[in-house]
Amino acid sequence: MAGLVDLWTAVIRAALKLPVDPGEPPDLMRLGLYEARVDVCATDGSTLDVTPNDKRLPPAKGVKLKAGIPGAVATVQAGAVVLLGWERGDPGSPYCVPCWSSGATVVKLVLNAQAIYLGGESGADKICRKSDFDSHTHAAGTLSAPGGGGAVTGATAGAVAITGTSITQAK
């Protein structure tokens, strides 16, 4: 019976990628976060190919990017710095989180949100207002007008272009 228990324990330890010897600690390196350089970012911002700064860790491809804000998607240029980590220390579940250094460039940022304010909500000018849509054709993008109106395109907020596809605001 002891042989069967030992075999079962060995199978479980192998499946969890734990050391064969139960007295040996697991690979604690995978419980930390490590700076890594972005080599390639998927066009949809979902995954990255990265090279960790720590030479003990190999380059990784197709690593999930967690942008840090629910509904946010960021596409970044090669050379940006992120933090590389692993879910529950599992070598098969890597992820990256932003650790943008000076000089990092965000190529595209999508914020899927009900409302977006620039400069704080209280007293801030909204990017668009419902009255902006009363009698005009506008475009559907990622920014919704307050009160459930359409969205805006062809506008800028600072130097940021806001774009989308055309629709006509229903009255």
Protein backbone atom coordinates (compact mmCIF):
# COMPACT_ATOMS: atom_id res chain seq x y z
CA MET A 1 0.00 0.00 0.00
CA ALA A 2 2.90 2.37 0.80
CA GLY A 3 4.19 1.93 -2.79
CA LEU A 4 0.84 3.06 -4.23
CA VAL A 5 0.76 6.13 -1.96
CA ASP A 6 4.33 7.02 -2.96
CA LEU A 7 3.48 6.61 -6.64
CA TRP A 8 0.34 8.77 -6.27
CA THR A 9 2.35 11.45 -4.39
CA ALA A 10 4.99 11.46 -7.14
CA VAL A 11 2.30 11.88 -9.83
CA ILE A 12 0.71 14.83 -7.98
CA ARG A 13 4.10 16.49 -7.38
CA ALA A 14 4.99 16.07 -11.08
CA ALA A 15 1.61 17.50 -12.19
CA LEU A 16 2.14 20.55 -9.94
CA LYS A 17 5.77 20.84 -11.11
CA LEU A 18 7.03 20.47 -7.54
CA PRO A 19 10.40 18.90 -6.74
CA VAL A 20 10.36 15.09 -6.58
CA ASP A 21 11.70 15.18 -3.01
CA PRO A 22 8.93 16.47 -0.68
CA GLY A 23 11.62 17.93 1.58
CA GLU A 24 12.86 20.20 -1.21
CA PRO A 25 11.12 23.60 -1.46
CA PRO A 26 9.28 24.57 -4.67
CA ASP A 27 10.84 27.01 -7.14
CA LEU A 28 10.30 30.25 -5.22
CA MET A 29 11.54 32.37 -8.15
CA ARG A 30 8.14 32.01 -9.80
CA LEU A 31 6.43 33.65 -6.80
CA GLY A 32 8.02 37.06 -7.53
CA LEU A 33 7.68 39.74 -10.20
CA TYR A 34 10.59 40.44 -12.55
CA GLU A 35 11.25 43.33 -14.89
CA ALA A 36 11.12 42.24 -18.52
CA ARG A 37 11.56 44.03 -21.84
CA VAL A 38 8.73 43.77 -24.37
CA ASP A 39 10.01 42.22 -27.59
CA VAL A 40 6.64 42.03 -29.38
CA CYS A 41 3.11 43.11 -28.44
CA ALA A 42 0.09 41.47 -30.12
CA THR A 43 -1.90 43.95 -32.23
CA ASP A 44 -4.92 43.46 -29.95
CA GLY A 45 -2.83 44.08 -26.80
CA SER A 46 -3.70 40.69 -25.31
CA THR A 47 -0.25 39.09 -25.21
CA LEU A 48 3.44 39.95 -25.18
CA ASP A 49 6.72 38.29 -26.02
CA VAL A 50 9.18 39.35 -23.31
CA THR A 51 12.80 38.95 -22.28
CA PRO A 52 13.34 39.11 -18.50
CA ASN A 53 16.18 41.30 -17.22
CA ASP A 54 17.08 38.47 -14.78
CA LYS A 55 19.24 36.09 -16.84
CA ARG A 56 18.09 33.12 -14.74
CA LEU A 57 14.71 33.34 -16.51
CA PRO A 58 14.26 32.44 -20.18
CA PRO A 59 12.42 34.65 -22.72
CA ALA A 60 8.68 33.99 -22.86
CA LYS A 61 6.23 34.19 -25.79
CA GLY A 62 2.47 34.77 -25.77
CA VAL A 63 2.35 36.03 -22.16
CA LYS A 64 -1.02 37.47 -21.12
CA LEU A 65 -0.97 41.24 -20.46
CA LYS A 66 -3.06 42.47 -17.52
CA ALA A 67 -3.46 46.21 -18.18
CA GLY A 68 -4.40 46.97 -14.56
CA ILE A 69 -7.81 48.60 -15.15
CA PRO A 70 -10.92 46.47 -15.83
CA GLY A 71 -11.85 46.89 -19.48
CA ALA A 72 -8.51 48.48 -20.43
CA VAL A 73 -6.41 47.18 -23.30
CA ALA A 74 -2.97 48.60 -24.05
CA THR A 75 -0.79 47.99 -27.09
CA VAL A 76 2.83 49.01 -26.44
CA GLN A 77 5.97 49.38 -28.50
CA ALA A 78 8.88 47.00 -28.26
CA GLY A 79 11.31 48.03 -25.55
CA ALA A 80 8.67 48.93 -22.94
CA VAL A 81 9.26 47.44 -19.48
CA VAL A 82 6.67 45.24 -17.74
CA LEU A 83 6.65 43.03 -14.67
CA LEU A 84 6.60 39.29 -15.41
CA GLY A 85 4.95 36.97 -12.90
CA TRP A 86 3.22 33.58 -12.69
CA GLU A 87 -0.26 32.72 -11.38
CA ARG A 88 0.23 30.84 -8.08
CA GLY A 89 3.88 30.29 -9.08
CA ASP A 90 2.80 27.98 -11.95
CA PRO A 91 5.45 28.06 -14.72
CA GLY A 92 2.67 27.34 -17.25
CA SER A 93 0.66 30.46 -16.29
CA PRO A 94 2.82 33.54 -16.89
CA TYR A 95 1.38 37.06 -17.01
CA CYS A 96 2.66 40.61 -17.33
CA VAL A 97 1.54 43.80 -15.61
CA PRO A 98 2.51 47.36 -16.56
CA CYS A 99 5.62 48.88 -15.03
CA TRP A 100 5.97 51.62 -17.60
CA SER A 101 9.37 53.23 -17.49
CA SER A 102 10.28 56.63 -18.83
CA GLY A 103 10.26 56.49 -22.62
CA ALA A 104 7.73 53.64 -22.90
CA THR A 105 5.23 54.30 -25.67
CA VAL A 106 1.61 53.19 -25.64
CA VAL A 107 0.62 52.72 -29.29
CA LYS A 108 -3.08 52.26 -28.54
CA LEU A 109 -5.15 52.43 -25.35
CA VAL A 110 -8.76 51.26 -25.24
CA LEU A 111 -10.86 52.02 -22.16
CA ASN A 112 -14.19 50.20 -22.21
CA ALA A 113 -16.05 52.36 -19.67
CA GLN A 114 -19.46 53.94 -19.08
CA ALA A 115 -17.94 57.42 -18.63
CA ILE A 116 -14.47 58.89 -18.84
CA TYR A 117 -13.46 62.19 -17.20
CA LEU A 118 -10.24 64.07 -17.79
CA GLY A 119 -8.99 66.18 -14.90
CA GLY A 120 -11.27 64.73 -12.20
CA GLU A 121 -15.05 64.29 -12.19
CA SER A 122 -16.00 67.28 -10.04
CA GLY A 123 -15.99 70.39 -12.23
CA ALA A 124 -14.22 68.69 -15.12
CA ASP A 125 -15.20 69.25 -18.71
CA LYS A 126 -16.54 66.05 -20.20
CA ILE A 127 -14.96 64.82 -23.40
CA CYS A 128 -18.41 64.95 -25.01
CA ARG A 129 -21.88 66.00 -23.92
CA LYS A 130 -25.36 64.77 -24.87
CA SER A 131 -26.01 68.13 -26.53
CA ASP A 132 -23.10 67.40 -28.88
CA PHE A 133 -25.31 64.72 -30.44
CA ASP A 134 -28.69 66.47 -30.69
CA SER A 135 -28.75 67.15 -34.43
CA HIS A 136 -25.53 65.80 -35.87
CA THR A 137 -24.13 62.59 -37.27
CA HIS A 138 -21.28 61.34 -35.11
CA ALA A 139 -19.22 58.23 -34.73
CA ALA A 140 -19.30 55.28 -32.37
CA GLY A 141 -16.04 54.79 -30.57
CA THR A 142 -14.99 53.90 -27.09
CA LEU A 143 -16.25 57.05 -25.32
CA SER A 144 -19.98 57.30 -24.52
CA ALA A 145 -21.81 60.59 -24.17
CA PRO A 146 -23.32 61.23 -20.72
CA GLY A 147 -26.95 60.18 -20.47
CA GLY A 148 -26.59 57.28 -22.89
CA GLY A 149 -25.88 59.30 -26.05
CA GLY A 150 -23.59 58.18 -28.85
CA ALA A 151 -19.84 58.54 -28.96
CA VAL A 152 -17.44 60.98 -30.52
CA THR A 153 -14.86 60.67 -33.29
CA GLY A 154 -12.43 62.89 -35.10
CA ALA A 155 -11.93 64.90 -31.92
CA THR A 156 -8.84 65.30 -29.82
CA ALA A 157 -8.30 65.50 -26.07
CA GLY A 158 -4.93 67.15 -25.75
CA ALA A 159 -2.91 65.41 -28.44
CA VAL A 160 -4.95 62.17 -28.30
CA ALA A 161 -7.16 61.41 -31.29
CA ILE A 162 -10.55 59.83 -30.61
CA THR A 163 -11.83 57.70 -33.48
CA GLY A 164 -14.57 55.23 -34.34
CA THR A 165 -17.17 54.36 -37.00
CA SER A 166 -20.06 56.62 -38.06
CA ILE A 167 -23.61 56.38 -36.69
CA THR A 168 -26.51 58.81 -36.45
CA GLN A 169 -27.67 59.72 -32.93
CA ALA A 170 -31.25 58.54 -32.31
CA LYS A 171 -33.58 61.19 -30.85
